[in-house]
Amino acid sequence: MNEPQHGFDEALISGYLDNELTQGEAQRVRIHLEDCATCRATADELKKLKEATMSSEFQVPDDGWDEAPRGGASRILRNAGLLIGLVWIVGIAMWLIWELANDPEALVGLLIVGGFLLSAGLILASVLIDRRRAMKTDRYRRVQK
């Protein structure tokens, strides 16, 4: 029943059941429901549907929706990638120090590569600090996925 001939539709009746109408509209619907069996039946159906919807619960799947690597292979690959990245950064830093010690004129290369590494490290550090600070006040930190 979308639009009866007398001007009351399901949206208006639903708004009445949800207490979303103005006082005048609610009174008009209430008086109409007393006289119209068709709209009263629609209101009863919508009320039952609302009660069934409100009483249903969402069941979280048991597979644990965490973001950690799910298998041993992906955990090994992630840790290997982090280790290789760390070794690369330390290796580049040591190479720059070696170049500077052996050839003082290599200062330009040191400034270029060292500046890049320093800026990337500072940006990463700022992001990590902001994430850590945000975790303390995050309203959804206890919500499980």
N, C-alpha and C. Protein backbone atom coordinates (compact mmCIF):
# COMPACT_ATOMS: atom_id res chain seq x y z
N MET A 1 0.85 -1.17 0.00
CA MET A 1 0.00 0.00 0.00
C MET A 1 0.90 1.23 0.00
N ASN A 2 1.08 1.83 -1.12
CA ASN A 2 1.96 2.99 -1.22
C ASN A 2 1.21 4.30 -1.02
N GLU A 3 0.13 4.51 -1.71
CA GLU A 3 -0.58 5.78 -1.63
C GLU A 3 -2.09 5.53 -1.73
N PRO A 4 -2.77 5.40 -0.59
CA PRO A 4 -4.22 5.23 -0.65
C PRO A 4 -4.89 6.48 -1.21
N GLN A 5 -6.11 6.34 -1.58
CA GLN A 5 -6.83 7.45 -2.20
C GLN A 5 -7.07 8.59 -1.21
N HIS A 6 -7.06 8.32 0.07
CA HIS A 6 -7.38 9.37 1.04
C HIS A 6 -6.15 10.14 1.52
N GLY A 7 -4.97 9.90 0.94
CA GLY A 7 -3.82 10.76 1.19
C GLY A 7 -2.86 10.32 2.26
N PHE A 8 -3.04 9.18 2.85
CA PHE A 8 -2.11 8.68 3.86
C PHE A 8 -1.28 7.58 3.23
N ASP A 9 0.04 7.74 3.27
CA ASP A 9 0.91 6.71 2.73
C ASP A 9 1.72 6.07 3.85
N GLU A 10 2.48 5.05 3.50
CA GLU A 10 3.26 4.32 4.51
C GLU A 10 4.31 5.21 5.17
N ALA A 11 4.86 6.16 4.44
CA ALA A 11 5.88 7.04 5.01
C ALA A 11 5.29 7.89 6.12
N LEU A 12 4.10 8.40 5.93
CA LEU A 12 3.46 9.21 6.96
C LEU A 12 3.10 8.37 8.18
N ILE A 13 2.60 7.17 7.95
CA ILE A 13 2.26 6.28 9.07
C ILE A 13 3.53 5.84 9.79
N SER A 14 4.59 5.55 9.03
CA SER A 14 5.87 5.18 9.64
C SER A 14 6.42 6.33 10.48
N GLY A 15 6.32 7.55 9.98
CA GLY A 15 6.75 8.72 10.75
C GLY A 15 5.95 8.86 12.03
N TYR A 16 4.67 8.53 11.98
CA TYR A 16 3.84 8.57 13.19
C TYR A 16 4.31 7.54 14.21
N LEU A 17 4.61 6.32 13.73
CA LEU A 17 5.07 5.26 14.64
C LEU A 17 6.44 5.59 15.24
N ASP A 18 7.26 6.32 14.51
CA ASP A 18 8.60 6.68 14.99
C ASP A 18 8.62 7.99 15.76
N ASN A 19 7.47 8.59 15.97
CA ASN A 19 7.35 9.88 16.67
C ASN A 19 8.17 10.97 15.99
N GLU A 20 8.12 10.99 14.67
CA GLU A 20 8.87 11.98 13.89
C GLU A 20 7.99 13.06 13.29
N LEU A 21 6.69 13.02 13.55
CA LEU A 21 5.78 14.01 12.99
C LEU A 21 5.57 15.17 13.95
N THR A 22 5.12 16.27 13.39
CA THR A 22 4.76 17.39 14.25
C THR A 22 3.50 17.00 15.03
N GLN A 23 3.18 17.79 16.03
CA GLN A 23 2.02 17.46 16.86
C GLN A 23 0.74 17.45 16.04
N GLY A 24 0.61 18.41 15.12
CA GLY A 24 -0.59 18.48 14.29
C GLY A 24 -0.70 17.30 13.35
N GLU A 25 0.42 16.93 12.70
CA GLU A 25 0.41 15.78 11.80
C GLU A 25 0.12 14.49 12.55
N ALA A 26 0.72 14.33 13.72
CA ALA A 26 0.50 13.12 14.51
C ALA A 26 -0.96 13.01 14.93
N GLN A 27 -1.55 14.13 15.31
CA GLN A 27 -2.97 14.11 15.72
C GLN A 27 -3.84 13.76 14.52
N ARG A 28 -3.53 14.29 13.34
CA ARG A 28 -4.30 14.00 12.13
C ARG A 28 -4.21 12.51 11.78
N VAL A 29 -3.01 11.92 11.90
CA VAL A 29 -2.84 10.50 11.61
C VAL A 29 -3.56 9.66 12.66
N ARG A 30 -3.45 10.03 13.92
CA ARG A 30 -4.10 9.27 14.99
C ARG A 30 -5.61 9.23 14.79
N ILE A 31 -6.21 10.36 14.46
CA ILE A 31 -7.66 10.41 14.22
C ILE A 31 -8.03 9.59 13.00
N HIS A 32 -7.18 9.66 11.95
CA HIS A 32 -7.47 8.90 10.74
C HIS A 32 -7.38 7.39 11.01
N LEU A 33 -6.40 6.97 11.82
CA LEU A 33 -6.25 5.54 12.11
C LEU A 33 -7.44 5.00 12.90
N GLU A 34 -8.10 5.84 13.67
CA GLU A 34 -9.28 5.39 14.41
C GLU A 34 -10.42 5.05 13.46
N ASP A 35 -10.49 5.74 12.32
CA ASP A 35 -11.61 5.55 11.40
C ASP A 35 -11.30 4.64 10.21
N CYS A 36 -10.03 4.44 9.85
CA CYS A 36 -9.68 3.72 8.63
C CYS A 36 -9.03 2.38 8.97
N ALA A 37 -9.72 1.30 8.69
CA ALA A 37 -9.22 -0.05 8.99
C ALA A 37 -8.03 -0.40 8.10
N THR A 38 -8.01 0.07 6.87
CA THR A 38 -6.91 -0.23 5.95
C THR A 38 -5.60 0.38 6.45
N CYS A 39 -5.67 1.64 6.81
CA CYS A 39 -4.46 2.31 7.32
C CYS A 39 -4.06 1.75 8.68
N ARG A 40 -5.03 1.36 9.49
CA ARG A 40 -4.74 0.76 10.80
C ARG A 40 -4.01 -0.57 10.62
N ALA A 41 -4.42 -1.35 9.62
CA ALA A 41 -3.74 -2.61 9.32
C ALA A 41 -2.31 -2.34 8.83
N THR A 42 -2.16 -1.31 8.01
CA THR A 42 -0.82 -0.93 7.56
C THR A 42 0.05 -0.52 8.74
N ALA A 43 -0.52 0.26 9.65
CA ALA A 43 0.22 0.70 10.84
C ALA A 43 0.62 -0.49 11.69
N ASP A 44 -0.28 -1.46 11.83
CA ASP A 44 0.04 -2.66 12.62
C ASP A 44 1.18 -3.45 11.97
N GLU A 45 1.16 -3.58 10.64
CA GLU A 45 2.23 -4.28 9.94
C GLU A 45 3.57 -3.56 10.11
N LEU A 46 3.54 -2.24 9.97
CA LEU A 46 4.77 -1.46 10.13
C LEU A 46 5.29 -1.54 11.56
N LYS A 47 4.38 -1.56 12.52
CA LYS A 47 4.78 -1.66 13.93
C LYS A 47 5.44 -3.01 14.19
N LYS A 48 4.88 -4.09 13.65
CA LYS A 48 5.47 -5.41 13.82
C LYS A 48 6.84 -5.49 13.15
N LEU A 49 6.94 -4.89 11.97
CA LEU A 49 8.22 -4.87 11.25
C LEU A 49 9.27 -4.09 12.04
N LYS A 50 8.87 -2.97 12.60
CA LYS A 50 9.80 -2.17 13.40
C LYS A 50 10.26 -2.94 14.63
N GLU A 51 9.34 -3.61 15.32
CA GLU A 51 9.69 -4.39 16.51
C GLU A 51 10.63 -5.54 16.15
N ALA A 52 10.36 -6.20 15.02
CA ALA A 52 11.23 -7.31 14.60
C ALA A 52 12.61 -6.80 14.25
N THR A 53 12.68 -5.65 13.59
CA THR A 53 13.97 -5.08 13.23
C THR A 53 14.75 -4.65 14.45
N MET A 54 14.10 -4.02 15.39
CA MET A 54 14.78 -3.52 16.59
C MET A 54 15.22 -4.65 17.51
N SER A 55 14.54 -5.80 17.46
CA SER A 55 14.92 -6.90 18.34
C SER A 55 15.97 -7.83 17.74
N SER A 56 16.26 -7.66 16.45
CA SER A 56 17.26 -8.53 15.83
C SER A 56 18.66 -8.09 16.23
N GLU A 57 19.56 -9.06 16.32
CA GLU A 57 20.94 -8.79 16.73
C GLU A 57 21.88 -9.13 15.59
N PHE A 58 22.97 -8.41 15.52
CA PHE A 58 24.00 -8.67 14.53
C PHE A 58 25.00 -9.64 15.12
N GLN A 59 25.22 -10.73 14.45
CA GLN A 59 26.18 -11.73 14.91
C GLN A 59 27.51 -11.50 14.21
N VAL A 60 28.56 -11.31 14.97
CA VAL A 60 29.90 -11.12 14.41
C VAL A 60 30.44 -12.49 14.01
N PRO A 61 30.96 -12.61 12.80
CA PRO A 61 31.53 -13.89 12.38
C PRO A 61 32.67 -14.31 13.31
N ASP A 62 32.86 -15.60 13.42
CA ASP A 62 33.86 -16.14 14.34
C ASP A 62 35.28 -16.12 13.78
N ASP A 63 35.47 -15.73 12.52
CA ASP A 63 36.80 -15.80 11.95
C ASP A 63 37.71 -14.67 12.39
N GLY A 64 37.30 -13.84 13.29
CA GLY A 64 38.11 -12.81 13.90
C GLY A 64 38.58 -11.74 12.96
N TRP A 65 38.03 -10.83 12.52
CA TRP A 65 38.35 -9.86 11.50
C TRP A 65 39.54 -8.97 11.81
N ASP A 66 40.62 -9.52 12.31
CA ASP A 66 41.76 -8.66 12.62
C ASP A 66 42.56 -8.38 11.36
N GLU A 67 43.42 -7.36 11.45
CA GLU A 67 44.18 -6.95 10.28
C GLU A 67 45.58 -7.55 10.26
N ALA A 68 45.88 -8.39 11.19
CA ALA A 68 47.19 -9.03 11.23
C ALA A 68 47.27 -10.06 10.10
N PRO A 69 48.47 -10.41 9.69
CA PRO A 69 48.59 -11.45 8.66
C PRO A 69 47.91 -12.74 9.14
N ARG A 70 47.16 -13.35 8.26
CA ARG A 70 46.37 -14.51 8.66
C ARG A 70 47.18 -15.80 8.70
N GLY A 71 48.16 -15.93 7.83
CA GLY A 71 48.91 -17.17 7.79
C GLY A 71 50.37 -16.98 8.11
N GLY A 72 51.04 -18.08 8.30
CA GLY A 72 52.46 -18.03 8.61
C GLY A 72 53.28 -17.45 7.46
N ALA A 73 52.90 -17.77 6.24
CA ALA A 73 53.67 -17.27 5.08
C ALA A 73 53.57 -15.76 4.98
N SER A 74 52.36 -15.20 5.15
CA SER A 74 52.23 -13.75 5.04
C SER A 74 52.93 -13.04 6.21
N ARG A 75 52.92 -13.65 7.37
CA ARG A 75 53.64 -13.07 8.53
C ARG A 75 55.14 -13.05 8.26
N ILE A 76 55.67 -14.14 7.70
CA ILE A 76 57.10 -14.21 7.37
C ILE A 76 57.45 -13.17 6.32
N LEU A 77 56.61 -13.05 5.28
CA LEU A 77 56.89 -12.08 4.22
C LEU A 77 56.83 -10.64 4.74
N ARG A 78 55.87 -10.34 5.59
CA ARG A 78 55.78 -8.99 6.14
C ARG A 78 57.00 -8.67 6.99
N ASN A 79 57.37 -9.58 7.87
CA ASN A 79 58.54 -9.33 8.73
C ASN A 79 59.83 -9.26 7.91
N ALA A 80 59.95 -10.09 6.87
CA ALA A 80 61.13 -10.03 6.00
C ALA A 80 61.19 -8.69 5.28
N GLY A 81 60.06 -8.20 4.81
CA GLY A 81 60.03 -6.90 4.15
C GLY A 81 60.44 -5.77 5.09
N LEU A 82 59.96 -5.82 6.32
CA LEU A 82 60.36 -4.80 7.30
C LEU A 82 61.84 -4.89 7.60
N LEU A 83 62.36 -6.09 7.74
CA LEU A 83 63.78 -6.27 8.03
C LEU A 83 64.66 -5.79 6.88
N ILE A 84 64.27 -6.12 5.66
CA ILE A 84 65.04 -5.68 4.49
C ILE A 84 65.02 -4.15 4.39
N GLY A 85 63.88 -3.54 4.63
CA GLY A 85 63.80 -2.08 4.61
C GLY A 85 64.68 -1.44 5.65
N LEU A 86 64.70 -2.00 6.85
CA LEU A 86 65.55 -1.47 7.91
C LEU A 86 67.03 -1.63 7.57
N VAL A 87 67.40 -2.80 7.05
CA VAL A 87 68.79 -3.04 6.66
C VAL A 87 69.19 -2.08 5.55
N TRP A 88 68.30 -1.82 4.60
CA TRP A 88 68.59 -0.90 3.51
C TRP A 88 68.85 0.51 4.03
N ILE A 89 68.01 0.98 4.94
CA ILE A 89 68.19 2.33 5.49
C ILE A 89 69.52 2.43 6.24
N VAL A 90 69.82 1.44 7.07
CA VAL A 90 71.08 1.45 7.81
C VAL A 90 72.26 1.38 6.84
N GLY A 91 72.15 0.56 5.80
CA GLY A 91 73.21 0.44 4.80
C GLY A 91 73.46 1.76 4.07
N ILE A 92 72.41 2.44 3.66
CA ILE A 92 72.55 3.74 2.99
C ILE A 92 73.20 4.74 3.92
N ALA A 93 72.80 4.77 5.18
CA ALA A 93 73.39 5.70 6.15
C ALA A 93 74.88 5.41 6.34
N MET A 94 75.23 4.14 6.44
CA MET A 94 76.65 3.79 6.61
C MET A 94 77.45 4.13 5.34
N TRP A 95 76.87 3.90 4.16
CA TRP A 95 77.55 4.26 2.92
C TRP A 95 77.80 5.76 2.84
N LEU A 96 76.81 6.56 3.27
CA LEU A 96 76.99 8.01 3.24
C LEU A 96 78.10 8.44 4.19
N ILE A 97 78.16 7.83 5.36
CA ILE A 97 79.23 8.16 6.31
C ILE A 97 80.59 7.75 5.73
N TRP A 98 80.68 6.59 5.11
CA TRP A 98 81.93 6.11 4.49
C TRP A 98 82.38 7.06 3.38
N GLU A 99 81.43 7.45 2.52
CA GLU A 99 81.76 8.36 1.42
C GLU A 99 82.26 9.70 1.95
N LEU A 100 81.63 10.20 2.97
CA LEU A 100 82.04 11.48 3.53
C LEU A 100 83.42 11.38 4.17
N ALA A 101 83.70 10.25 4.82
CA ALA A 101 85.01 10.08 5.47
C ALA A 101 86.12 9.94 4.44
N ASN A 102 85.87 9.27 3.32
CA ASN A 102 86.90 9.04 2.31
C ASN A 102 87.01 10.17 1.29
N ASP A 103 85.94 10.85 1.04
CA ASP A 103 85.94 11.91 0.03
C ASP A 103 85.12 13.09 0.54
N PRO A 104 85.76 14.07 1.15
CA PRO A 104 85.01 15.21 1.70
C PRO A 104 84.22 15.97 0.65
N GLU A 105 84.58 15.83 -0.62
CA GLU A 105 83.84 16.53 -1.66
C GLU A 105 82.50 15.86 -1.96
N ALA A 106 82.25 14.69 -1.38
CA ALA A 106 80.99 13.98 -1.59
C ALA A 106 79.87 14.55 -0.72
N LEU A 107 80.10 15.73 -0.19
CA LEU A 107 79.11 16.36 0.69
C LEU A 107 77.78 16.61 -0.02
N VAL A 108 77.83 16.90 -1.31
CA VAL A 108 76.60 17.16 -2.07
C VAL A 108 75.72 15.90 -2.08
N GLY A 109 76.31 14.75 -2.36
CA GLY A 109 75.55 13.49 -2.35
C GLY A 109 75.01 13.19 -0.97
N LEU A 110 75.82 13.47 0.03
CA LEU A 110 75.36 13.25 1.41
C LEU A 110 74.16 14.13 1.72
N LEU A 111 74.22 15.37 1.31
CA LEU A 111 73.10 16.27 1.59
C LEU A 111 71.84 15.85 0.84
N ILE A 112 72.00 15.39 -0.39
CA ILE A 112 70.82 14.99 -1.17
C ILE A 112 70.18 13.73 -0.58
N VAL A 113 70.97 12.68 -0.46
CA VAL A 113 70.41 11.41 0.03
C VAL A 113 70.08 11.51 1.52
N GLY A 114 70.98 12.11 2.29
CA GLY A 114 70.73 12.26 3.72
C GLY A 114 69.52 13.12 4.00
N GLY A 115 69.36 14.20 3.21
CA GLY A 115 68.18 15.05 3.38
C GLY A 115 66.89 14.31 3.09
N PHE A 116 66.93 13.47 2.04
CA PHE A 116 65.74 12.68 1.73
C PHE A 116 65.42 11.71 2.86
N LEU A 117 66.42 10.99 3.33
CA LEU A 117 66.19 10.03 4.41
C LEU A 117 65.72 10.73 5.68
N LEU A 118 66.32 11.87 5.99
CA LEU A 118 65.92 12.61 7.19
C LEU A 118 64.48 13.10 7.07
N SER A 119 64.13 13.65 5.91
CA SER A 119 62.76 14.14 5.75
C SER A 119 61.75 13.00 5.80
N ALA A 120 62.07 11.88 5.15
CA ALA A 120 61.16 10.73 5.19
C ALA A 120 61.02 10.20 6.61
N GLY A 121 62.12 10.15 7.34
CA GLY A 121 62.07 9.69 8.73
C GLY A 121 61.27 10.62 9.62
N LEU A 122 61.41 11.91 9.43
CA LEU A 122 60.65 12.87 10.24
C LEU A 122 59.15 12.80 9.94
N ILE A 123 58.81 12.65 8.66
CA ILE A 123 57.40 12.51 8.30
C ILE A 123 56.82 11.24 8.90
N LEU A 124 57.54 10.14 8.80
CA LEU A 124 57.09 8.88 9.38
C LEU A 124 56.92 9.01 10.89
N ALA A 125 57.87 9.65 11.54
CA ALA A 125 57.79 9.84 12.99
C ALA A 125 56.58 10.69 13.37
N SER A 126 56.30 11.73 12.60
CA SER A 126 55.15 12.58 12.92
C SER A 126 53.84 11.82 12.75
N VAL A 127 53.76 10.98 11.72
CA VAL A 127 52.56 10.18 11.51
C VAL A 127 52.37 9.19 12.66
N LEU A 128 53.45 8.54 13.07
CA LEU A 128 53.35 7.58 14.17
C LEU A 128 52.96 8.27 15.48
N ILE A 129 53.49 9.45 15.73
CA ILE A 129 53.12 10.19 16.95
C ILE A 129 51.65 10.57 16.90
N ASP A 130 51.18 11.05 15.76
CA ASP A 130 49.76 11.42 15.64
C ASP A 130 48.85 10.21 15.80
N ARG A 131 49.23 9.07 15.21
CA ARG A 131 48.41 7.86 15.35
C ARG A 131 48.35 7.39 16.80
N ARG A 132 49.49 7.46 17.48
CA ARG A 132 49.52 7.04 18.88
C ARG A 132 48.66 7.96 19.74
N ARG A 133 48.74 9.25 19.48
CA ARG A 133 47.94 10.21 20.23
C ARG A 133 46.45 10.02 19.93
N ALA A 134 46.11 9.74 18.69
CA ALA A 134 44.72 9.55 18.30
C ALA A 134 44.14 8.28 18.91
N MET A 135 44.97 7.27 19.12
CA MET A 135 44.48 6.02 19.70
C MET A 135 43.95 6.22 21.11
N LYS A 136 44.50 7.17 21.84
CA LYS A 136 44.07 7.40 23.22
C LYS A 136 42.66 7.96 23.29
N THR A 137 42.27 8.76 22.31
CA THR A 137 40.96 9.40 22.34
C THR A 137 40.01 8.85 21.30
N ASP A 138 40.38 7.77 20.63
CA ASP A 138 39.53 7.19 19.60
C ASP A 138 38.28 6.58 20.22
N ARG A 139 37.11 7.09 19.82
CA ARG A 139 35.86 6.58 20.37
C ARG A 139 35.57 5.14 19.96
N TYR A 140 36.15 4.71 18.87
CA TYR A 140 35.84 3.40 18.31
C TYR A 140 36.92 2.37 18.56
N ARG A 141 37.85 2.63 19.45
CA ARG A 141 38.97 1.69 19.63
C ARG A 141 38.53 0.37 20.22
N ARG A 142 37.43 0.36 20.93
CA ARG A 142 36.95 -0.90 21.53
C ARG A 142 35.96 -1.64 20.65
N VAL A 143 35.61 -1.02 19.53
CA VAL A 143 34.69 -1.66 18.59
C VAL A 143 35.44 -2.72 17.82
N GLN A 144 34.91 -3.92 17.85
CA GLN A 144 35.57 -5.00 17.14
C GLN A 144 34.98 -5.11 15.75
N LYS A 145 35.84 -5.45 14.81
CA LYS A 145 35.38 -5.60 13.43
C LYS A 145 34.74 -6.94 13.25
